[in-house]
Amino acid sequence: MAIDKSLKVKAGVTASRSVLTRVERITRLREMEKWGEESSPFGLPKVRVRKLQLKKKKKTKKEEDDK
């Protein structure tokens, strides 16, 4: 079955995920040099997921006067 067009999210997945797949966890552990080829893919240690937050721009005096 296809998803109705009205139910689809136009921007895609915009929220950051809190859970990584096994492959993503292994790649992150390799980057941190905590996982080797002889290690088992089961029982992997936890990997922190960094959430990005964009800072809001401060309004300048010109922008406040224009409004």
N, C-alpha and C. Protein backbone atom coordinates (compact mmCIF):
# COMPACT_ATOMS: atom_id res chain seq x y z
N MET A 1 0.83 -1.18 0.00
CA MET A 1 0.00 0.00 0.00
C MET A 1 0.87 1.25 0.00
N ALA A 2 0.39 2.26 -0.64
CA ALA A 2 1.12 3.53 -0.70
C ALA A 2 0.59 4.47 0.37
N ILE A 3 1.45 5.38 0.81
CA ILE A 3 1.04 6.38 1.78
C ILE A 3 0.39 7.54 1.04
N ASP A 4 -0.72 8.01 1.57
CA ASP A 4 -1.42 9.13 0.97
C ASP A 4 -0.53 10.38 1.02
N LYS A 5 -0.61 11.22 -0.01
CA LYS A 5 0.23 12.41 -0.11
C LYS A 5 0.03 13.37 1.07
N SER A 6 -1.17 13.41 1.61
CA SER A 6 -1.44 14.34 2.70
C SER A 6 -0.78 13.89 4.01
N LEU A 7 -0.39 12.62 4.11
CA LEU A 7 0.21 12.11 5.33
C LEU A 7 1.74 12.18 5.32
N LYS A 8 2.33 12.42 4.17
CA LYS A 8 3.78 12.49 4.08
C LYS A 8 4.29 13.79 4.66
N VAL A 9 5.45 13.72 5.28
CA VAL A 9 6.10 14.91 5.81
C VAL A 9 6.97 15.48 4.70
N LYS A 10 6.77 16.75 4.40
CA LYS A 10 7.48 17.35 3.27
C LYS A 10 8.97 17.51 3.54
N ALA A 11 9.35 17.81 4.76
CA ALA A 11 10.75 18.07 5.07
C ALA A 11 11.52 16.79 5.38
N GLY A 12 10.86 15.68 5.41
CA GLY A 12 11.54 14.43 5.74
C GLY A 12 11.73 14.31 7.23
N VAL A 13 12.71 13.56 7.64
CA VAL A 13 12.99 13.38 9.06
C VAL A 13 13.82 14.57 9.52
N THR A 14 13.19 15.49 10.22
CA THR A 14 13.89 16.69 10.66
C THR A 14 14.39 16.55 12.10
N ALA A 15 13.73 15.76 12.90
CA ALA A 15 14.14 15.59 14.29
C ALA A 15 15.32 14.64 14.37
N SER A 16 16.20 14.86 15.33
CA SER A 16 17.33 13.96 15.49
C SER A 16 16.86 12.69 16.18
N ARG A 17 17.41 11.58 15.73
CA ARG A 17 17.01 10.30 16.29
C ARG A 17 17.77 10.06 17.58
N SER A 18 17.13 9.38 18.51
CA SER A 18 17.79 9.08 19.78
C SER A 18 18.37 7.67 19.78
N VAL A 19 18.12 6.89 18.74
CA VAL A 19 18.60 5.52 18.67
C VAL A 19 19.38 5.34 17.38
N LEU A 20 20.56 4.73 17.48
CA LEU A 20 21.38 4.46 16.30
C LEU A 20 21.24 2.99 15.92
N THR A 21 21.40 2.70 14.65
CA THR A 21 21.42 1.31 14.21
C THR A 21 22.75 0.68 14.60
N ARG A 22 22.84 -0.63 14.53
CA ARG A 22 24.07 -1.32 14.91
C ARG A 22 25.25 -0.86 14.05
N VAL A 23 25.00 -0.68 12.76
CA VAL A 23 26.07 -0.25 11.85
C VAL A 23 26.56 1.15 12.22
N GLU A 24 25.63 2.05 12.53
CA GLU A 24 26.01 3.41 12.92
C GLU A 24 26.80 3.41 14.23
N ARG A 25 26.41 2.54 15.16
CA ARG A 25 27.12 2.46 16.43
C ARG A 25 28.54 1.93 16.22
N ILE A 26 28.69 0.93 15.36
CA ILE A 26 30.01 0.38 15.09
C ILE A 26 30.91 1.41 14.43
N THR A 27 30.38 2.18 13.48
CA THR A 27 31.20 3.20 12.82
C THR A 27 31.63 4.27 13.81
N ARG A 28 30.75 4.67 14.72
CA ARG A 28 31.12 5.67 15.72
C ARG A 28 32.17 5.12 16.68
N LEU A 29 32.02 3.83 17.06
CA LEU A 29 33.00 3.22 17.95
C LEU A 29 34.36 3.09 17.26
N ARG A 30 34.36 2.83 15.95
CA ARG A 30 35.62 2.77 15.21
C ARG A 30 36.30 4.13 15.20
N GLU A 31 35.51 5.19 15.01
CA GLU A 31 36.07 6.54 15.01
C GLU A 31 36.71 6.88 16.36
N MET A 32 36.09 6.39 17.45
CA MET A 32 36.62 6.63 18.79
C MET A 32 37.68 5.59 19.17
N GLU A 33 37.97 4.66 18.26
CA GLU A 33 38.96 3.60 18.45
C GLU A 33 38.63 2.73 19.67
N LYS A 34 37.34 2.41 19.84
CA LYS A 34 36.90 1.55 20.94
C LYS A 34 36.36 0.21 20.44
N TRP A 35 36.47 -0.03 19.14
CA TRP A 35 35.95 -1.28 18.57
C TRP A 35 36.93 -1.80 17.54
N GLY A 36 37.26 -3.08 17.65
CA GLY A 36 38.18 -3.69 16.71
C GLY A 36 37.49 -4.76 15.89
N GLU A 37 38.18 -5.30 14.92
CA GLU A 37 37.60 -6.31 14.04
C GLU A 37 37.28 -7.61 14.78
N GLU A 38 38.03 -7.91 15.84
CA GLU A 38 37.80 -9.15 16.57
C GLU A 38 36.64 -9.01 17.57
N SER A 39 36.14 -7.82 17.78
CA SER A 39 35.05 -7.58 18.73
C SER A 39 33.74 -8.12 18.20
N SER A 40 32.87 -8.49 19.11
CA SER A 40 31.56 -9.02 18.74
C SER A 40 30.59 -7.87 18.46
N PRO A 41 29.75 -7.99 17.43
CA PRO A 41 28.77 -6.93 17.16
C PRO A 41 27.59 -6.96 18.13
N PHE A 42 27.54 -7.96 19.01
CA PHE A 42 26.47 -8.05 19.99
C PHE A 42 26.94 -7.48 21.31
N GLY A 43 26.04 -6.85 22.03
CA GLY A 43 26.39 -6.26 23.32
C GLY A 43 27.30 -5.06 23.19
N LEU A 44 27.03 -4.22 22.21
CA LEU A 44 27.87 -3.03 22.00
C LEU A 44 27.67 -2.03 23.13
N PRO A 45 28.70 -1.27 23.48
CA PRO A 45 28.51 -0.22 24.49
C PRO A 45 27.65 0.91 23.95
N LYS A 46 27.12 1.70 24.86
CA LYS A 46 26.28 2.81 24.47
C LYS A 46 27.10 3.88 23.75
N VAL A 47 26.46 4.54 22.80
CA VAL A 47 27.11 5.62 22.06
C VAL A 47 26.21 6.84 22.18
N ARG A 48 26.80 7.92 22.62
CA ARG A 48 26.03 9.14 22.81
C ARG A 48 25.63 9.75 21.47
N VAL A 49 24.39 10.18 21.38
CA VAL A 49 23.89 10.84 20.18
C VAL A 49 23.88 12.33 20.45
N ARG A 50 24.63 13.07 19.66
CA ARG A 50 24.68 14.52 19.84
C ARG A 50 23.52 15.17 19.13
N LYS A 51 22.80 16.00 19.86
CA LYS A 51 21.68 16.72 19.28
C LYS A 51 22.14 18.13 18.95
N LEU A 52 21.92 18.55 17.73
CA LEU A 52 22.33 19.89 17.31
C LEU A 52 21.20 20.87 17.59
N GLN A 53 21.55 21.98 18.17
CA GLN A 53 20.58 23.04 18.41
C GLN A 53 21.09 24.30 17.73
N LEU A 54 20.25 24.89 16.92
CA LEU A 54 20.63 26.11 16.24
C LEU A 54 20.32 27.30 17.13
N LYS A 55 21.27 28.20 17.23
CA LYS A 55 21.05 29.39 18.04
C LYS A 55 20.25 30.41 17.25
N LYS A 56 19.36 31.09 17.94
CA LYS A 56 18.57 32.12 17.29
C LYS A 56 19.41 33.38 17.16
N LYS A 57 19.25 34.05 16.03
CA LYS A 57 19.98 35.28 15.80
C LYS A 57 19.35 36.41 16.59
N LYS A 58 20.18 37.25 17.16
CA LYS A 58 19.68 38.40 17.90
C LYS A 58 19.28 39.49 16.91
N LYS A 59 18.19 40.17 17.23
CA LYS A 59 17.73 41.24 16.37
C LYS A 59 18.60 42.47 16.57
N THR A 60 18.91 43.12 15.49
CA THR A 60 19.67 44.36 15.58
C THR A 60 18.69 45.51 15.76
N LYS A 61 19.19 46.67 16.07
CA LYS A 61 18.32 47.84 16.30
C LYS A 61 17.61 48.24 15.02
N LYS A 62 18.26 48.08 13.87
CA LYS A 62 17.62 48.45 12.60
C LYS A 62 16.40 47.58 12.34
N GLU A 63 16.53 46.29 12.58
CA GLU A 63 15.42 45.38 12.34
C GLU A 63 14.25 45.67 13.27
N GLU A 64 14.55 46.03 14.52
CA GLU A 64 13.49 46.35 15.46
C GLU A 64 12.78 47.64 15.09
N ASP A 65 13.53 48.62 14.57
CA ASP A 65 12.94 49.91 14.17
C ASP A 65 12.07 49.74 12.92
N ASP A 66 12.44 48.83 12.03
CA ASP A 66 11.68 48.62 10.80
C ASP A 66 10.31 48.03 11.08
N LYS A 67 10.18 47.30 12.13
CA LYS A 67 8.91 46.62 12.42
C LYS A 67 7.99 47.46 13.20
